[in-house]
Amino acid sequence: MGKQINCKKEWHPSRYETRMKVAEAEEKEAGNEKNYLKEQNINDEGRMAWMLDDFKE
């Protein structure tokens, strides 16, 4: 008589924790990217300001 093999994976807390860590990392990455783009935009504005000052005179 053959053994019954259960191929279904059982739920394990580490899977949930891993999913939560991945979700947190994605949120953090999105926030970092948003901050980086904001800083980049500010830096670009400051970089071009000297050119605009010359035209005002």
PDB file of N, CA and C in Angstrom:
ATOM      1  N   MET A   1       0.839  -1.170   0.000  1.00  0.00           N
ATOM      2  CA  MET A   1       0.000   0.000   0.000  1.00  0.00           C
ATOM      3  C   MET A   1       0.893   1.245   0.000  1.00  0.00           C
ATOM      4  N   GLY A   2       0.593   2.208  -0.900  1.00  0.00           N
ATOM      5  CA  GLY A   2       1.413   3.409  -1.030  1.00  0.00           C
ATOM      6  C   GLY A   2       1.089   4.438   0.038  1.00  0.00           C
ATOM      7  N   LYS A   3       2.045   5.279   0.255  1.00  0.00           N
ATOM      8  CA  LYS A   3       1.854   6.343   1.242  1.00  0.00           C
ATOM      9  C   LYS A   3       1.091   7.494   0.595  1.00  0.00           C
ATOM     10  N   GLN A   4       0.320   8.160   1.383  1.00  0.00           N
ATOM     11  CA  GLN A   4      -0.366   9.354   0.904  1.00  0.00           C
ATOM     12  C   GLN A   4       0.604  10.526   1.019  1.00  0.00           C
ATOM     13  N   ILE A   5       0.784  11.216  -0.089  1.00  0.00           N
ATOM     14  CA  ILE A   5       1.698  12.352  -0.090  1.00  0.00           C
ATOM     15  C   ILE A   5       0.875  13.622  -0.247  1.00  0.00           C
ATOM     16  N   ASN A   6       1.072  14.517   0.681  1.00  0.00           N
ATOM     17  CA  ASN A   6       0.372  15.795   0.626  1.00  0.00           C
ATOM     18  C   ASN A   6       1.300  16.812  -0.031  1.00  0.00           C
ATOM     19  N   CYS A   7       0.963  17.234  -1.226  1.00  0.00           N
ATOM     20  CA  CYS A   7       1.810  18.160  -1.976  1.00  0.00           C
ATOM     21  C   CYS A   7       1.533  19.617  -1.632  1.00  0.00           C
ATOM     22  N   LYS A   8       0.462  19.874  -0.921  1.00  0.00           N
ATOM     23  CA  LYS A   8       0.133  21.251  -0.585  1.00  0.00           C
ATOM     24  C   LYS A   8       1.121  21.774   0.455  1.00  0.00           C
ATOM     25  N   LYS A   9       1.578  22.990   0.224  1.00  0.00           N
ATOM     26  CA  LYS A   9       2.491  23.594   1.187  1.00  0.00           C
ATOM     27  C   LYS A   9       1.676  24.121   2.355  1.00  0.00           C
ATOM     28  N   GLU A  10       2.190  23.899   3.529  1.00  0.00           N
ATOM     29  CA  GLU A  10       1.503  24.382   4.712  1.00  0.00           C
ATOM     30  C   GLU A  10       1.839  25.851   4.931  1.00  0.00           C
ATOM     31  N   TRP A  11       0.914  26.565   5.561  1.00  0.00           N
ATOM     32  CA  TRP A  11       1.162  27.960   5.879  1.00  0.00           C
ATOM     33  C   TRP A  11       2.217  28.024   6.958  1.00  0.00           C
ATOM     34  N   HIS A  12       3.139  28.933   6.795  1.00  0.00           N
ATOM     35  CA  HIS A  12       4.209  29.068   7.769  1.00  0.00           C
ATOM     36  C   HIS A  12       4.387  30.549   8.076  1.00  0.00           C
ATOM     37  N   PRO A  13       4.594  30.898   9.328  1.00  0.00           N
ATOM     38  CA  PRO A  13       4.723  32.319   9.681  1.00  0.00           C
ATOM     39  C   PRO A  13       5.833  33.034   8.918  1.00  0.00           C
ATOM     40  N   SER A  14       6.895  32.331   8.604  1.00  0.00           N
ATOM     41  CA  SER A  14       8.004  32.996   7.927  1.00  0.00           C
ATOM     42  C   SER A  14       7.589  33.492   6.541  1.00  0.00           C
ATOM     43  N   ARG A  15       6.652  32.814   5.899  1.00  0.00           N
ATOM     44  CA  ARG A  15       6.166  33.284   4.597  1.00  0.00           C
ATOM     45  C   ARG A  15       5.447  34.610   4.753  1.00  0.00           C
ATOM     46  N   TYR A  16       4.622  34.723   5.775  1.00  0.00           N
ATOM     47  CA  TYR A  16       3.897  35.963   6.039  1.00  0.00           C
ATOM     48  C   TYR A  16       4.882  37.081   6.359  1.00  0.00           C
ATOM     49  N   GLU A  17       5.862  36.769   7.208  1.00  0.00           N
ATOM     50  CA  GLU A  17       6.862  37.770   7.587  1.00  0.00           C
ATOM     51  C   GLU A  17       7.641  38.236   6.363  1.00  0.00           C
ATOM     52  N   THR A  18       7.984  37.309   5.495  1.00  0.00           N
ATOM     53  CA  THR A  18       8.734  37.663   4.292  1.00  0.00           C
ATOM     54  C   THR A  18       7.902  38.583   3.412  1.00  0.00           C
ATOM     55  N   ARG A  19       6.631  38.255   3.247  1.00  0.00           N
ATOM     56  CA  ARG A  19       5.748  39.094   2.439  1.00  0.00           C
ATOM     57  C   ARG A  19       5.638  40.498   3.030  1.00  0.00           C
ATOM     58  N   MET A  20       5.532  40.573   4.351  1.00  0.00           N
ATOM     59  CA  MET A  20       5.423  41.868   5.010  1.00  0.00           C
ATOM     60  C   MET A  20       6.716  42.666   4.847  1.00  0.00           C
ATOM     61  N   LYS A  21       7.863  42.001   4.964  1.00  0.00           N
ATOM     62  CA  LYS A  21       9.148  42.685   4.796  1.00  0.00           C
ATOM     63  C   LYS A  21       9.301  43.198   3.372  1.00  0.00           C
ATOM     64  N   VAL A  22       8.862  42.408   2.407  1.00  0.00           N
ATOM     65  CA  VAL A  22       8.931  42.829   1.004  1.00  0.00           C
ATOM     66  C   VAL A  22       8.032  44.044   0.786  1.00  0.00           C
ATOM     67  N   ALA A  23       6.830  44.021   1.339  1.00  0.00           N
ATOM     68  CA  ALA A  23       5.906  45.147   1.186  1.00  0.00           C
ATOM     69  C   ALA A  23       6.489  46.407   1.825  1.00  0.00           C
ATOM     70  N   GLU A  24       7.078  46.263   3.020  1.00  0.00           N
ATOM     71  CA  GLU A  24       7.691  47.412   3.687  1.00  0.00           C
ATOM     72  C   GLU A  24       8.852  47.959   2.867  1.00  0.00           C
ATOM     73  N   ALA A  25       9.662  47.070   2.320  1.00  0.00           N
ATOM     74  CA  ALA A  25      10.812  47.495   1.518  1.00  0.00           C
ATOM     75  C   ALA A  25      10.349  48.233   0.264  1.00  0.00           C
ATOM     76  N   GLU A  26       9.277  47.756  -0.363  1.00  0.00           N
ATOM     77  CA  GLU A  26       8.757  48.422  -1.558  1.00  0.00           C
ATOM     78  C   GLU A  26       8.231  49.815  -1.223  1.00  0.00           C
ATOM     79  N   GLU A  27       7.528  49.943  -0.081  1.00  0.00           N
ATOM     80  CA  GLU A  27       7.024  51.248   0.333  1.00  0.00           C
ATOM     81  C   GLU A  27       8.180  52.205   0.614  1.00  0.00           C
ATOM     82  N   LYS A  28       9.192  51.694   1.306  1.00  0.00           N
ATOM     83  CA  LYS A  28      10.352  52.521   1.634  1.00  0.00           C
ATOM     84  C   LYS A  28      11.070  52.956   0.362  1.00  0.00           C
ATOM     85  N   GLU A  29      11.206  52.042  -0.583  1.00  0.00           N
ATOM     86  CA  GLU A  29      11.868  52.357  -1.855  1.00  0.00           C
ATOM     87  C   GLU A  29      11.085  53.427  -2.617  1.00  0.00           C
ATOM     88  N   ALA A  30       9.762  53.312  -2.617  1.00  0.00           N
ATOM     89  CA  ALA A  30       8.934  54.312  -3.300  1.00  0.00           C
ATOM     90  C   ALA A  30       9.104  55.679  -2.639  1.00  0.00           C
ATOM     91  N   GLY A  31       9.151  55.704  -1.314  1.00  0.00           N
ATOM     92  CA  GLY A  31       9.366  56.963  -0.594  1.00  0.00           C
ATOM     93  C   GLY A  31      10.729  57.549  -0.888  1.00  0.00           C
ATOM     94  N   ASN A  32      11.756  56.695  -0.911  1.00  0.00           N
ATOM     95  CA  ASN A  32      13.109  57.161  -1.215  1.00  0.00           C
ATOM     96  C   ASN A  32      13.184  57.727  -2.621  1.00  0.00           C
ATOM     97  N   GLU A  33      12.526  57.058  -3.563  1.00  0.00           N
ATOM     98  CA  GLU A  33      12.549  57.520  -4.948  1.00  0.00           C
ATOM     99  C   GLU A  33      11.849  58.877  -5.067  1.00  0.00           C
ATOM    100  N   LYS A  34      10.729  59.032  -4.353  1.00  0.00           N
ATOM    101  CA  LYS A  34       9.996  60.289  -4.380  1.00  0.00           C
ATOM    102  C   LYS A  34      10.867  61.418  -3.819  1.00  0.00           C
ATOM    103  N   ASN A  35      11.551  61.143  -2.688  1.00  0.00           N
ATOM    104  CA  ASN A  35      12.434  62.152  -2.096  1.00  0.00           C
ATOM    105  C   ASN A  35      13.594  62.474  -3.025  1.00  0.00           C
ATOM    106  N   TYR A  36      14.142  61.465  -3.662  1.00  0.00           N
ATOM    107  CA  TYR A  36      15.267  61.675  -4.575  1.00  0.00           C
ATOM    108  C   TYR A  36      14.849  62.566  -5.743  1.00  0.00           C
ATOM    109  N   LEU A  37      13.679  62.280  -6.305  1.00  0.00           N
ATOM    110  CA  LEU A  37      13.202  63.082  -7.429  1.00  0.00           C
ATOM    111  C   LEU A  37      12.942  64.525  -7.003  1.00  0.00           C
ATOM    112  N   LYS A  38      12.402  64.697  -5.793  1.00  0.00           N
ATOM    113  CA  LYS A  38      12.151  66.045  -5.292  1.00  0.00           C
ATOM    114  C   LYS A  38      13.470  66.797  -5.122  1.00  0.00           C
ATOM    115  N   GLU A  39      14.476  66.137  -4.526  1.00  0.00           N
ATOM    116  CA  GLU A  39      15.787  66.765  -4.352  1.00  0.00           C
ATOM    117  C   GLU A  39      16.419  67.079  -5.703  1.00  0.00           C
ATOM    118  N   GLN A  40      16.283  66.167  -6.631  1.00  0.00           N
ATOM    119  CA  GLN A  40      16.863  66.360  -7.960  1.00  0.00           C
ATOM    120  C   GLN A  40      16.231  67.570  -8.642  1.00  0.00           C
ATOM    121  N   ASN A  41      14.927  67.721  -8.476  1.00  0.00           N
ATOM    122  CA  ASN A  41      14.217  68.855  -9.065  1.00  0.00           C
ATOM    123  C   ASN A  41      14.701  70.162  -8.440  1.00  0.00           C
ATOM    124  N   ILE A  42      14.875  70.180  -7.123  1.00  0.00           N
ATOM    125  CA  ILE A  42      15.366  71.377  -6.434  1.00  0.00           C
ATOM    126  C   ILE A  42      16.778  71.702  -6.901  1.00  0.00           C
ATOM    127  N   ASN A  43      17.617  70.680  -7.010  1.00  0.00           N
ATOM    128  CA  ASN A  43      18.991  70.899  -7.456  1.00  0.00           C
ATOM    129  C   ASN A  43      19.027  71.433  -8.883  1.00  0.00           C
ATOM    130  N   ASP A  44      18.158  70.923  -9.732  1.00  0.00           N
ATOM    131  CA  ASP A  44      18.113  71.388 -11.118  1.00  0.00           C
ATOM    132  C   ASP A  44      17.682  72.852 -11.184  1.00  0.00           C
ATOM    133  N   GLU A  45      16.715  73.234 -10.346  1.00  0.00           N
ATOM    134  CA  GLU A  45      16.257  74.622 -10.337  1.00  0.00           C
ATOM    135  C   GLU A  45      17.386  75.545  -9.895  1.00  0.00           C
ATOM    136  N   GLY A  46      18.112  75.154  -8.865  1.00  0.00           N
ATOM    137  CA  GLY A  46      19.219  75.965  -8.369  1.00  0.00           C
ATOM    138  C   GLY A  46      20.348  76.057  -9.375  1.00  0.00           C
ATOM    139  N   ARG A  47      20.543  75.015 -10.113  1.00  0.00           N
ATOM    140  CA  ARG A  47      21.631  74.963 -11.084  1.00  0.00           C
ATOM    141  C   ARG A  47      21.378  75.934 -12.231  1.00  0.00           C
ATOM    142  N   MET A  48      20.131  76.106 -12.596  1.00  0.00           N
ATOM    143  CA  MET A  48      19.802  76.957 -13.733  1.00  0.00           C
ATOM    144  C   MET A  48      19.535  78.405 -13.310  1.00  0.00           C
ATOM    145  N   ALA A  49      19.489  78.684 -12.021  1.00  0.00           N
ATOM    146  CA  ALA A  49      19.138  80.019 -11.541  1.00  0.00           C
ATOM    147  C   ALA A  49      20.131  81.071 -12.022  1.00  0.00           C
ATOM    148  N   TRP A  50      21.403  80.757 -12.075  1.00  0.00           N
ATOM    149  CA  TRP A  50      22.409  81.750 -12.477  1.00  0.00           C
ATOM    150  C   TRP A  50      22.194  82.204 -13.918  1.00  0.00           C
ATOM    151  N   MET A  51      21.692  81.290 -14.750  1.00  0.00           N
ATOM    152  CA  MET A  51      21.434  81.667 -16.139  1.00  0.00           C
ATOM    153  C   MET A  51      20.260  82.644 -16.217  1.00  0.00           C
ATOM    154  N   LEU A  52      19.252  82.410 -15.402  1.00  0.00           N
ATOM    155  CA  LEU A  52      18.078  83.276 -15.409  1.00  0.00           C
ATOM    156  C   LEU A  52      18.414  84.650 -14.849  1.00  0.00           C
ATOM    157  N   ASP A  53      19.309  84.718 -13.869  1.00  0.00           N
ATOM    158  CA  ASP A  53      19.709  85.997 -13.294  1.00  0.00           C
ATOM    159  C   ASP A  53      20.364  86.884 -14.347  1.00  0.00           C
ATOM    160  N   ASP A  54      21.128  86.303 -15.248  1.00  0.00           N
ATOM    161  CA  ASP A  54      21.788  87.080 -16.292  1.00  0.00           C
ATOM    162  C   ASP A  54      20.772  87.714 -17.241  1.00  0.00           C
ATOM    163  N   PHE A  55      19.671  87.040 -17.486  1.00  0.00           N
ATOM    164  CA  PHE A  55      18.668  87.564 -18.406  1.00  0.00           C
ATOM    165  C   PHE A  55      17.840  88.686 -17.775  1.00  0.00           C
ATOM    166  N   LYS A  56      17.725  88.688 -16.448  1.00  0.00           N
ATOM    167  CA  LYS A  56      16.920  89.703 -15.769  1.00  0.00           C
ATOM    168  C   LYS A  56      17.580  91.076 -15.852  1.00  0.00           C
ATOM    169  N   GLU A  57      18.884  91.129 -15.911  1.00  0.00           N
ATOM    170  CA  GLU A  57      19.601  92.410 -15.894  1.00  0.00           C
ATOM    171  C   GLU A  57      19.498  93.158 -17.175  1.00  0.00           C
TER     172      GLU A  57
END
